[in-house]
Amino acid sequence: MATLDVTEKVNVLVDAIGWEVFCEELMARMDEDALDAVCDRIAPRYGVELAGSRYAA
């Protein structure tokens, strides 16, 4: 079996378990500060303003 890069791993997992379960599993395993930073980085891309975000407009 060939080694998968991270994007391929995510795609395989999402295909197998679905986005909702994947997100729940990811959130359960991420450090709170890391998850907060990810949310802060993603939100502006989609026009979402998060209270207390380090990247708020």
PDB file of N, CA and C in Angstrom:
ATOM      1  N   MET A   1       0.842  -1.184   0.000  1.00  0.00           N
ATOM      2  CA  MET A   1       0.000   0.000   0.000  1.00  0.00           C
ATOM      3  C   MET A   1       0.887   1.246   0.000  1.00  0.00           C
ATOM      4  N   ALA A   2       0.600   2.173  -0.868  1.00  0.00           N
ATOM      5  CA  ALA A   2       1.370   3.418  -0.978  1.00  0.00           C
ATOM      6  C   ALA A   2       1.067   4.331   0.206  1.00  0.00           C
ATOM      7  N   THR A   3       2.044   5.135   0.561  1.00  0.00           N
ATOM      8  CA  THR A   3       1.865   6.110   1.628  1.00  0.00           C
ATOM      9  C   THR A   3       1.016   7.265   1.119  1.00  0.00           C
ATOM     10  N   LEU A   4       0.026   7.668   1.909  1.00  0.00           N
ATOM     11  CA  LEU A   4      -0.864   8.766   1.531  1.00  0.00           C
ATOM     12  C   LEU A   4      -0.367  10.072   2.126  1.00  0.00           C
ATOM     13  N   ASP A   5      -0.531  11.176   1.381  1.00  0.00           N
ATOM     14  CA  ASP A   5      -0.249  12.480   1.981  1.00  0.00           C
ATOM     15  C   ASP A   5      -1.458  12.867   2.839  1.00  0.00           C
ATOM     16  N   VAL A   6      -1.340  13.948   3.574  1.00  0.00           N
ATOM     17  CA  VAL A   6      -2.383  14.314   4.536  1.00  0.00           C
ATOM     18  C   VAL A   6      -3.728  14.583   3.861  1.00  0.00           C
ATOM     19  N   THR A   7      -3.723  15.212   2.705  1.00  0.00           N
ATOM     20  CA  THR A   7      -4.983  15.479   1.999  1.00  0.00           C
ATOM     21  C   THR A   7      -5.664  14.177   1.603  1.00  0.00           C
ATOM     22  N   GLU A   8      -4.873  13.235   1.121  1.00  0.00           N
ATOM     23  CA  GLU A   8      -5.427  11.935   0.748  1.00  0.00           C
ATOM     24  C   GLU A   8      -5.975  11.197   1.970  1.00  0.00           C
ATOM     25  N   LYS A   9      -5.277  11.295   3.095  1.00  0.00           N
ATOM     26  CA  LYS A   9      -5.755  10.661   4.329  1.00  0.00           C
ATOM     27  C   LYS A   9      -7.104  11.236   4.748  1.00  0.00           C
ATOM     28  N   VAL A  10      -7.214  12.558   4.702  1.00  0.00           N
ATOM     29  CA  VAL A  10      -8.479  13.210   5.053  1.00  0.00           C
ATOM     30  C   VAL A  10      -9.587  12.733   4.120  1.00  0.00           C
ATOM     31  N   ASN A  11      -9.324  12.716   2.831  1.00  0.00           N
ATOM     32  CA  ASN A  11     -10.336  12.291   1.864  1.00  0.00           C
ATOM     33  C   ASN A  11     -10.789  10.856   2.090  1.00  0.00           C
ATOM     34  N   VAL A  12      -9.855   9.958   2.373  1.00  0.00           N
ATOM     35  CA  VAL A  12     -10.200   8.559   2.629  1.00  0.00           C
ATOM     36  C   VAL A  12     -11.062   8.450   3.884  1.00  0.00           C
ATOM     37  N   LEU A  13     -10.657   9.139   4.944  1.00  0.00           N
ATOM     38  CA  LEU A  13     -11.434   9.098   6.187  1.00  0.00           C
ATOM     39  C   LEU A  13     -12.823   9.682   6.013  1.00  0.00           C
ATOM     40  N   VAL A  14     -12.923  10.820   5.359  1.00  0.00           N
ATOM     41  CA  VAL A  14     -14.225  11.460   5.149  1.00  0.00           C
ATOM     42  C   VAL A  14     -15.125  10.564   4.305  1.00  0.00           C
ATOM     43  N   ASP A  15     -14.569   9.943   3.288  1.00  0.00           N
ATOM     44  CA  ASP A  15     -15.360   9.005   2.478  1.00  0.00           C
ATOM     45  C   ASP A  15     -15.869   7.843   3.324  1.00  0.00           C
ATOM     46  N   ALA A  16     -15.049   7.389   4.262  1.00  0.00           N
ATOM     47  CA  ALA A  16     -15.401   6.224   5.073  1.00  0.00           C
ATOM     48  C   ALA A  16     -16.368   6.546   6.209  1.00  0.00           C
ATOM     49  N   ILE A  17     -16.168   7.706   6.868  1.00  0.00           N
ATOM     50  CA  ILE A  17     -16.959   7.983   8.079  1.00  0.00           C
ATOM     51  C   ILE A  17     -17.849   9.216   7.975  1.00  0.00           C
ATOM     52  N   GLY A  18     -17.676  10.035   6.951  1.00  0.00           N
ATOM     53  CA  GLY A  18     -18.484  11.244   6.781  1.00  0.00           C
ATOM     54  C   GLY A  18     -17.869  12.447   7.489  1.00  0.00           C
ATOM     55  N   TRP A  19     -18.260  13.637   7.022  1.00  0.00           N
ATOM     56  CA  TRP A  19     -17.703  14.889   7.556  1.00  0.00           C
ATOM     57  C   TRP A  19     -18.027  15.098   9.023  1.00  0.00           C
ATOM     58  N   GLU A  20     -19.267  14.826   9.406  1.00  0.00           N
ATOM     59  CA  GLU A  20     -19.674  15.092  10.788  1.00  0.00           C
ATOM     60  C   GLU A  20     -18.834  14.290  11.781  1.00  0.00           C
ATOM     61  N   VAL A  21     -18.694  13.009  11.532  1.00  0.00           N
ATOM     62  CA  VAL A  21     -17.905  12.161  12.430  1.00  0.00           C
ATOM     63  C   VAL A  21     -16.435  12.570  12.381  1.00  0.00           C
ATOM     64  N   PHE A  22     -15.922  12.852  11.188  1.00  0.00           N
ATOM     65  CA  PHE A  22     -14.530  13.286  11.070  1.00  0.00           C
ATOM     66  C   PHE A  22     -14.281  14.538  11.911  1.00  0.00           C
ATOM     67  N   CYS A  23     -15.176  15.520  11.802  1.00  0.00           N
ATOM     68  CA  CYS A  23     -15.024  16.764  12.565  1.00  0.00           C
ATOM     69  C   CYS A  23     -15.110  16.515  14.067  1.00  0.00           C
ATOM     70  N   GLU A  24     -16.045  15.670  14.485  1.00  0.00           N
ATOM     71  CA  GLU A  24     -16.165  15.340  15.911  1.00  0.00           C
ATOM     72  C   GLU A  24     -14.880  14.693  16.429  1.00  0.00           C
ATOM     73  N   GLU A  25     -14.337  13.764  15.659  1.00  0.00           N
ATOM     74  CA  GLU A  25     -13.100  13.085  16.057  1.00  0.00           C
ATOM     75  C   GLU A  25     -11.928  14.060  16.103  1.00  0.00           C
ATOM     76  N   LEU A  26     -11.841  14.925  15.120  1.00  0.00           N
ATOM     77  CA  LEU A  26     -10.773  15.916  15.070  1.00  0.00           C
ATOM     78  C   LEU A  26     -10.842  16.847  16.279  1.00  0.00           C
ATOM     79  N   MET A  27     -12.036  17.349  16.555  1.00  0.00           N
ATOM     80  CA  MET A  27     -12.217  18.267  17.683  1.00  0.00           C
ATOM     81  C   MET A  27     -11.903  17.589  19.015  1.00  0.00           C
ATOM     82  N   ALA A  28     -12.237  16.325  19.139  1.00  0.00           N
ATOM     83  CA  ALA A  28     -11.993  15.598  20.384  1.00  0.00           C
ATOM     84  C   ALA A  28     -10.502  15.395  20.649  1.00  0.00           C
ATOM     85  N   ARG A  29      -9.704  15.451  19.593  1.00  0.00           N
ATOM     86  CA  ARG A  29      -8.285  15.158  19.735  1.00  0.00           C
ATOM     87  C   ARG A  29      -7.370  16.378  19.651  1.00  0.00           C
ATOM     88  N   MET A  30      -7.911  17.516  19.273  1.00  0.00           N
ATOM     89  CA  MET A  30      -7.082  18.718  19.138  1.00  0.00           C
ATOM     90  C   MET A  30      -6.996  19.467  20.456  1.00  0.00           C
ATOM     91  N   ASP A  31      -5.829  19.993  20.719  1.00  0.00           N
ATOM     92  CA  ASP A  31      -5.626  20.900  21.832  1.00  0.00           C
ATOM     93  C   ASP A  31      -6.546  22.103  21.627  1.00  0.00           C
ATOM     94  N   GLU A  32      -7.130  22.627  22.692  1.00  0.00           N
ATOM     95  CA  GLU A  32      -8.084  23.735  22.572  1.00  0.00           C
ATOM     96  C   GLU A  32      -7.472  24.955  21.888  1.00  0.00           C
ATOM     97  N   ASP A  33      -6.232  25.275  22.209  1.00  0.00           N
ATOM     98  CA  ASP A  33      -5.578  26.433  21.587  1.00  0.00           C
ATOM     99  C   ASP A  33      -5.372  26.215  20.086  1.00  0.00           C
ATOM    100  N   ALA A  34      -5.025  24.999  19.700  1.00  0.00           N
ATOM    101  CA  ALA A  34      -4.838  24.695  18.275  1.00  0.00           C
ATOM    102  C   ALA A  34      -6.165  24.789  17.529  1.00  0.00           C
ATOM    103  N   LEU A  35      -7.221  24.254  18.112  1.00  0.00           N
ATOM    104  CA  LEU A  35      -8.541  24.319  17.486  1.00  0.00           C
ATOM    105  C   LEU A  35      -9.009  25.768  17.369  1.00  0.00           C
ATOM    106  N   ASP A  36      -8.759  26.560  18.396  1.00  0.00           N
ATOM    107  CA  ASP A  36      -9.110  27.980  18.373  1.00  0.00           C
ATOM    108  C   ASP A  36      -8.371  28.700  17.244  1.00  0.00           C
ATOM    109  N   ALA A  37      -7.089  28.402  17.098  1.00  0.00           N
ATOM    110  CA  ALA A  37      -6.291  29.033  16.040  1.00  0.00           C
ATOM    111  C   ALA A  37      -6.799  28.632  14.655  1.00  0.00           C
ATOM    112  N   VAL A  38      -7.163  27.374  14.480  1.00  0.00           N
ATOM    113  CA  VAL A  38      -7.692  26.912  13.192  1.00  0.00           C
ATOM    114  C   VAL A  38      -8.989  27.646  12.871  1.00  0.00           C
ATOM    115  N   CYS A  39      -9.887  27.740  13.842  1.00  0.00           N
ATOM    116  CA  CYS A  39     -11.155  28.456  13.629  1.00  0.00           C
ATOM    117  C   CYS A  39     -10.902  29.915  13.266  1.00  0.00           C
ATOM    118  N   ASP A  40      -9.964  30.544  13.975  1.00  0.00           N
ATOM    119  CA  ASP A  40      -9.638  31.944  13.700  1.00  0.00           C
ATOM    120  C   ASP A  40      -9.080  32.141  12.295  1.00  0.00           C
ATOM    121  N   ARG A  41      -8.362  31.169  11.787  1.00  0.00           N
ATOM    122  CA  ARG A  41      -7.786  31.264  10.444  1.00  0.00           C
ATOM    123  C   ARG A  41      -8.821  31.007   9.354  1.00  0.00           C
ATOM    124  N   ILE A  42      -9.746  30.082   9.610  1.00  0.00           N
ATOM    125  CA  ILE A  42     -10.740  29.708   8.602  1.00  0.00           C
ATOM    126  C   ILE A  42     -11.843  30.749   8.474  1.00  0.00           C
ATOM    127  N   ALA A  43     -12.316  31.282   9.567  1.00  0.00           N
ATOM    128  CA  ALA A  43     -13.484  32.172   9.585  1.00  0.00           C
ATOM    129  C   ALA A  43     -13.405  33.323   8.580  1.00  0.00           C
ATOM    130  N   PRO A  44     -12.309  34.078   8.521  1.00  0.00           N
ATOM    131  CA  PRO A  44     -12.266  35.208   7.588  1.00  0.00           C
ATOM    132  C   PRO A  44     -12.406  34.808   6.121  1.00  0.00           C
ATOM    133  N   ARG A  45     -11.970  33.624   5.776  1.00  0.00           N
ATOM    134  CA  ARG A  45     -12.086  33.156   4.387  1.00  0.00           C
ATOM    135  C   ARG A  45     -13.535  33.072   3.940  1.00  0.00           C
ATOM    136  N   TYR A  46     -14.434  32.877   4.899  1.00  0.00           N
ATOM    137  CA  TYR A  46     -15.847  32.694   4.581  1.00  0.00           C
ATOM    138  C   TYR A  46     -16.708  33.837   5.097  1.00  0.00           C
ATOM    139  N   GLY A  47     -16.054  34.945   5.475  1.00  0.00           N
ATOM    140  CA  GLY A  47     -16.778  36.122   5.918  1.00  0.00           C
ATOM    141  C   GLY A  47     -17.434  35.965   7.273  1.00  0.00           C
ATOM    142  N   VAL A  48     -16.939  35.036   8.075  1.00  0.00           N
ATOM    143  CA  VAL A  48     -17.495  34.805   9.410  1.00  0.00           C
ATOM    144  C   VAL A  48     -16.633  35.545  10.420  1.00  0.00           C
ATOM    145  N   GLU A  49     -17.276  36.340  11.260  1.00  0.00           N
ATOM    146  CA  GLU A  49     -16.545  37.061  12.295  1.00  0.00           C
ATOM    147  C   GLU A  49     -16.768  36.363  13.627  1.00  0.00           C
ATOM    148  N   LEU A  50     -15.689  35.969  14.264  1.00  0.00           N
ATOM    149  CA  LEU A  50     -15.763  35.284  15.547  1.00  0.00           C
ATOM    150  C   LEU A  50     -15.369  36.242  16.664  1.00  0.00           C
ATOM    151  N   ALA A  51     -16.182  36.318  17.706  1.00  0.00           N
ATOM    152  CA  ALA A  51     -15.856  37.164  18.858  1.00  0.00           C
ATOM    153  C   ALA A  51     -14.543  36.679  19.469  1.00  0.00           C
ATOM    154  N   GLY A  52     -13.640  37.599  19.713  1.00  0.00           N
ATOM    155  CA  GLY A  52     -12.368  37.260  20.329  1.00  0.00           C
ATOM    156  C   GLY A  52     -11.333  36.697  19.377  1.00  0.00           C
ATOM    157  N   SER A  53     -11.623  36.703  18.091  1.00  0.00           N
ATOM    158  CA  SER A  53     -10.676  36.173  17.117  1.00  0.00           C
ATOM    159  C   SER A  53      -9.448  37.064  17.027  1.00  0.00           C
ATOM    160  N   ARG A  54      -8.313  36.438  16.916  1.00  0.00           N
ATOM    161  CA  ARG A  54      -7.060  37.187  16.750  1.00  0.00           C
ATOM    162  C   ARG A  54      -6.965  37.821  15.369  1.00  0.00           C
ATOM    163  N   TYR A  55      -7.812  37.353  14.447  1.00  0.00           N
ATOM    164  CA  TYR A  55      -7.750  37.826  13.066  1.00  0.00           C
ATOM    165  C   TYR A  55      -9.005  38.582  12.660  1.00  0.00           C
ATOM    166  N   ALA A  56      -9.758  39.075  13.621  1.00  0.00           N
ATOM    167  CA  ALA A  56     -11.004  39.792  13.314  1.00  0.00           C
ATOM    168  C   ALA A  56     -10.699  41.038  12.493  1.00  0.00           C
ATOM    169  N   ALA A  57     -11.600  41.323  11.590  1.00  0.00           N
ATOM    170  CA  ALA A  57     -11.420  42.492  10.710  1.00  0.00           C
ATOM    171  C   ALA A  57     -11.688  43.779  11.458  1.00  0.00           C
TER     172      ALA A  57
END
